[in-house]
Amino acid sequence: MAASLTLKILRKKRTALFVGQWAAPFLLLGIYNKLVKLEGHDRENKD
């Protein structure tokens, strides 16, 4: 997001929007990865 802000200040509007749109997918991938580690198939069965 900082990179997007920097590009916006440098008046590179299209590039700033492109870079800014990648923040949400990366955050979602991080949340998904954490959920898989906590609740997913990586957890050992204690049966």
PDB file of N, CA and C in Angstrom:
ATOM      1  N   MET A   1       0.827  -1.185   0.000  1.00  0.00           N
ATOM      2  CA  MET A   1       0.000   0.000   0.000  1.00  0.00           C
ATOM      3  C   MET A   1       0.873   1.250   0.000  1.00  0.00           C
ATOM      4  N   ALA A   2       2.019   1.154   0.648  1.00  0.00           N
ATOM      5  CA  ALA A   2       2.944   2.286   0.643  1.00  0.00           C
ATOM      6  C   ALA A   2       3.482   2.531  -0.766  1.00  0.00           C
ATOM      7  N   ALA A   3       3.744   1.439  -1.481  1.00  0.00           N
ATOM      8  CA  ALA A   3       4.228   1.584  -2.857  1.00  0.00           C
ATOM      9  C   ALA A   3       3.166   2.244  -3.732  1.00  0.00           C
ATOM     10  N   SER A   4       1.912   1.866  -3.506  1.00  0.00           N
ATOM     11  CA  SER A   4       0.820   2.470  -4.269  1.00  0.00           C
ATOM     12  C   SER A   4       0.706   3.966  -3.977  1.00  0.00           C
ATOM     13  N   LEU A   5       0.839   4.322  -2.715  1.00  0.00           N
ATOM     14  CA  LEU A   5       0.775   5.732  -2.337  1.00  0.00           C
ATOM     15  C   LEU A   5       1.929   6.511  -2.972  1.00  0.00           C
ATOM     16  N   THR A   6       3.104   5.927  -2.958  1.00  0.00           N
ATOM     17  CA  THR A   6       4.266   6.579  -3.572  1.00  0.00           C
ATOM     18  C   THR A   6       4.042   6.801  -5.057  1.00  0.00           C
ATOM     19  N   LEU A   7       3.524   5.786  -5.732  1.00  0.00           N
ATOM     20  CA  LEU A   7       3.251   5.932  -7.166  1.00  0.00           C
ATOM     21  C   LEU A   7       2.181   6.986  -7.425  1.00  0.00           C
ATOM     22  N   LYS A   8       1.201   7.047  -6.544  1.00  0.00           N
ATOM     23  CA  LYS A   8       0.135   8.051  -6.696  1.00  0.00           C
ATOM     24  C   LYS A   8       0.715   9.454  -6.551  1.00  0.00           C
ATOM     25  N   ILE A   9       1.615   9.629  -5.587  1.00  0.00           N
ATOM     26  CA  ILE A   9       2.256  10.930  -5.396  1.00  0.00           C
ATOM     27  C   ILE A   9       3.100  11.299  -6.610  1.00  0.00           C
ATOM     28  N   LEU A  10       3.711  10.296  -7.230  1.00  0.00           N
ATOM     29  CA  LEU A  10       4.524  10.536  -8.426  1.00  0.00           C
ATOM     30  C   LEU A  10       3.681  10.681  -9.692  1.00  0.00           C
ATOM     31  N   ARG A  11       2.359  10.722  -9.524  1.00  0.00           N
ATOM     32  CA  ARG A  11       1.396  10.921 -10.613  1.00  0.00           C
ATOM     33  C   ARG A  11       1.412   9.784 -11.630  1.00  0.00           C
ATOM     34  N   LYS A  12       1.618   8.571 -11.161  1.00  0.00           N
ATOM     35  CA  LYS A  12       1.511   7.378 -12.011  1.00  0.00           C
ATOM     36  C   LYS A  12       0.254   6.645 -11.571  1.00  0.00           C
ATOM     37  N   LYS A  13      -0.896   7.227 -11.934  1.00  0.00           N
ATOM     38  CA  LYS A  13      -2.181   6.780 -11.420  1.00  0.00           C
ATOM     39  C   LYS A  13      -2.497   5.329 -11.777  1.00  0.00           C
ATOM     40  N   ARG A  14      -2.320   4.951 -13.021  1.00  0.00           N
ATOM     41  CA  ARG A  14      -2.661   3.581 -13.439  1.00  0.00           C
ATOM     42  C   ARG A  14      -1.795   2.541 -12.746  1.00  0.00           C
ATOM     43  N   THR A  15      -0.511   2.809 -12.640  1.00  0.00           N
ATOM     44  CA  THR A  15       0.386   1.873 -11.961  1.00  0.00           C
ATOM     45  C   THR A  15       0.054   1.811 -10.479  1.00  0.00           C
ATOM     46  N   ALA A  16      -0.284   2.931  -9.871  1.00  0.00           N
ATOM     47  CA  ALA A  16      -0.649   2.965  -8.457  1.00  0.00           C
ATOM     48  C   ALA A  16      -1.901   2.124  -8.201  1.00  0.00           C
ATOM     49  N   LEU A  17      -2.876   2.207  -9.077  1.00  0.00           N
ATOM     50  CA  LEU A  17      -4.086   1.404  -8.916  1.00  0.00           C
ATOM     51  C   LEU A  17      -3.785  -0.077  -9.076  1.00  0.00           C
ATOM     52  N   PHE A  18      -2.931  -0.425 -10.034  1.00  0.00           N
ATOM     53  CA  PHE A  18      -2.567  -1.826 -10.249  1.00  0.00           C
ATOM     54  C   PHE A  18      -1.867  -2.401  -9.019  1.00  0.00           C
ATOM     55  N   VAL A  19      -0.907  -1.660  -8.492  1.00  0.00           N
ATOM     56  CA  VAL A  19      -0.164  -2.119  -7.315  1.00  0.00           C
ATOM     57  C   VAL A  19      -1.085  -2.175  -6.101  1.00  0.00           C
ATOM     58  N   GLY A  20      -1.944  -1.204  -5.942  1.00  0.00           N
ATOM     59  CA  GLY A  20      -2.847  -1.155  -4.792  1.00  0.00           C
ATOM     60  C   GLY A  20      -3.859  -2.286  -4.768  1.00  0.00           C
ATOM     61  N   GLN A  21      -4.229  -2.792  -5.925  1.00  0.00           N
ATOM     62  CA  GLN A  21      -5.215  -3.869  -5.982  1.00  0.00           C
ATOM     63  C   GLN A  21      -4.638  -5.207  -5.572  1.00  0.00           C
ATOM     64  N   TRP A  22      -3.336  -5.328  -5.446  1.00  0.00           N
ATOM     65  CA  TRP A  22      -2.730  -6.607  -5.060  1.00  0.00           C
ATOM     66  C   TRP A  22      -2.682  -6.796  -3.547  1.00  0.00           C
ATOM     67  N   ALA A  23      -2.949  -5.746  -2.758  1.00  0.00           N
ATOM     68  CA  ALA A  23      -2.877  -5.879  -1.299  1.00  0.00           C
ATOM     69  C   ALA A  23      -3.935  -6.848  -0.773  1.00  0.00           C
ATOM     70  N   ALA A  24      -5.166  -6.715  -1.206  1.00  0.00           N
ATOM     71  CA  ALA A  24      -6.251  -7.571  -0.712  1.00  0.00           C
ATOM     72  C   ALA A  24      -6.042  -9.054  -1.018  1.00  0.00           C
ATOM     73  N   PRO A  25      -5.676  -9.439  -2.242  1.00  0.00           N
ATOM     74  CA  PRO A  25      -5.440 -10.867  -2.491  1.00  0.00           C
ATOM     75  C   PRO A  25      -4.324 -11.460  -1.632  1.00  0.00           C
ATOM     76  N   PHE A  26      -3.257 -10.692  -1.406  1.00  0.00           N
ATOM     77  CA  PHE A  26      -2.177 -11.210  -0.568  1.00  0.00           C
ATOM     78  C   PHE A  26      -2.636 -11.388   0.872  1.00  0.00           C
ATOM     79  N   LEU A  27      -3.431 -10.454   1.376  1.00  0.00           N
ATOM     80  CA  LEU A  27      -3.967 -10.602   2.733  1.00  0.00           C
ATOM     81  C   LEU A  27      -4.893 -11.805   2.826  1.00  0.00           C
ATOM     82  N   LEU A  28      -5.728 -12.009   1.818  1.00  0.00           N
ATOM     83  CA  LEU A  28      -6.620 -13.170   1.815  1.00  0.00           C
ATOM     84  C   LEU A  28      -5.851 -14.485   1.746  1.00  0.00           C
ATOM     85  N   LEU A  29      -4.782 -14.520   0.964  1.00  0.00           N
ATOM     86  CA  LEU A  29      -3.952 -15.725   0.908  1.00  0.00           C
ATOM     87  C   LEU A  29      -3.309 -16.011   2.263  1.00  0.00           C
ATOM     88  N   GLY A  30      -2.903 -14.979   2.955  1.00  0.00           N
ATOM     89  CA  GLY A  30      -2.328 -15.154   4.288  1.00  0.00           C
ATOM     90  C   GLY A  30      -3.338 -15.698   5.274  1.00  0.00           C
ATOM     91  N   ILE A  31      -4.561 -15.188   5.231  1.00  0.00           N
ATOM     92  CA  ILE A  31      -5.620 -15.677   6.113  1.00  0.00           C
ATOM     93  C   ILE A  31      -5.963 -17.123   5.781  1.00  0.00           C
ATOM     94  N   TYR A  32      -6.055 -17.448   4.503  1.00  0.00           N
ATOM     95  CA  TYR A  32      -6.345 -18.816   4.082  1.00  0.00           C
ATOM     96  C   TYR A  32      -5.257 -19.771   4.575  1.00  0.00           C
ATOM     97  N   ASN A  33      -4.008 -19.372   4.417  1.00  0.00           N
ATOM     98  CA  ASN A  33      -2.894 -20.204   4.846  1.00  0.00           C
ATOM     99  C   ASN A  33      -2.948 -20.460   6.351  1.00  0.00           C
ATOM    100  N   LYS A  34      -3.274 -19.436   7.119  1.00  0.00           N
ATOM    101  CA  LYS A  34      -3.362 -19.595   8.568  1.00  0.00           C
ATOM    102  C   LYS A  34      -4.503 -20.538   8.943  1.00  0.00           C
ATOM    103  N   LEU A  35      -5.649 -20.402   8.280  1.00  0.00           N
ATOM    104  CA  LEU A  35      -6.784 -21.282   8.561  1.00  0.00           C
ATOM    105  C   LEU A  35      -6.472 -22.731   8.229  1.00  0.00           C
ATOM    106  N   VAL A  36      -5.783 -22.950   7.128  1.00  0.00           N
ATOM    107  CA  VAL A  36      -5.428 -24.315   6.747  1.00  0.00           C
ATOM    108  C   VAL A  36      -4.480 -24.917   7.778  1.00  0.00           C
ATOM    109  N   LYS A  37      -3.553 -24.124   8.257  1.00  0.00           N
ATOM    110  CA  LYS A  37      -2.613 -24.629   9.260  1.00  0.00           C
ATOM    111  C   LYS A  37      -3.304 -24.937  10.578  1.00  0.00           C
ATOM    112  N   LEU A  38      -4.303 -24.129  10.948  1.00  0.00           N
ATOM    113  CA  LEU A  38      -4.984 -24.329  12.225  1.00  0.00           C
ATOM    114  C   LEU A  38      -6.064 -25.401  12.154  1.00  0.00           C
ATOM    115  N   GLU A  39      -6.844 -25.418  11.091  1.00  0.00           N
ATOM    116  CA  GLU A  39      -8.013 -26.288  11.015  1.00  0.00           C
ATOM    117  C   GLU A  39      -7.970 -27.289   9.872  1.00  0.00           C
ATOM    118  N   GLY A  40      -6.996 -27.171   9.009  1.00  0.00           N
ATOM    119  CA  GLY A  40      -6.994 -27.952   7.784  1.00  0.00           C
ATOM    120  C   GLY A  40      -6.366 -29.315   7.904  1.00  0.00           C
ATOM    121  N   HIS A  41      -5.986 -29.835   6.765  1.00  0.00           N
ATOM    122  CA  HIS A  41      -5.486 -31.196   6.672  1.00  0.00           C
ATOM    123  C   HIS A  41      -4.088 -31.361   7.266  1.00  0.00           C
ATOM    124  N   ASP A  42      -3.405 -30.271   7.587  1.00  0.00           N
ATOM    125  CA  ASP A  42      -2.060 -30.358   8.173  1.00  0.00           C
ATOM    126  C   ASP A  42      -2.096 -30.821   9.631  1.00  0.00           C
ATOM    127  N   ARG A  43      -3.256 -30.730  10.253  1.00  0.00           N
ATOM    128  CA  ARG A  43      -3.370 -31.105  11.658  1.00  0.00           C
ATOM    129  C   ARG A  43      -3.393 -32.624  11.792  1.00  0.00           C
ATOM    130  N   GLU A  44      -2.662 -33.154  12.756  1.00  0.00           N
ATOM    131  CA  GLU A  44      -2.610 -34.602  12.969  1.00  0.00           C
ATOM    132  C   GLU A  44      -3.887 -35.088  13.662  1.00  0.00           C
ATOM    133  N   ASN A  45      -4.333 -36.283  13.292  1.00  0.00           N
ATOM    134  CA  ASN A  45      -5.476 -36.893  13.977  1.00  0.00           C
ATOM    135  C   ASN A  45      -5.021 -37.475  15.302  1.00  0.00           C
ATOM    136  N   LYS A  46      -5.801 -37.245  16.346  1.00  0.00           N
ATOM    137  CA  LYS A  46      -5.455 -37.743  17.680  1.00  0.00           C
ATOM    138  C   LYS A  46      -6.331 -38.936  18.040  1.00  0.00           C
ATOM    139  N   ASP A  47      -6.779 -39.708  17.034  1.00  0.00           N
ATOM    140  CA  ASP A  47      -7.651 -40.864  17.271  1.00  0.00           C
ATOM    141  C   ASP A  47      -6.907 -42.019  17.864  1.00  0.00           C
TER     142      ASP A  47
END
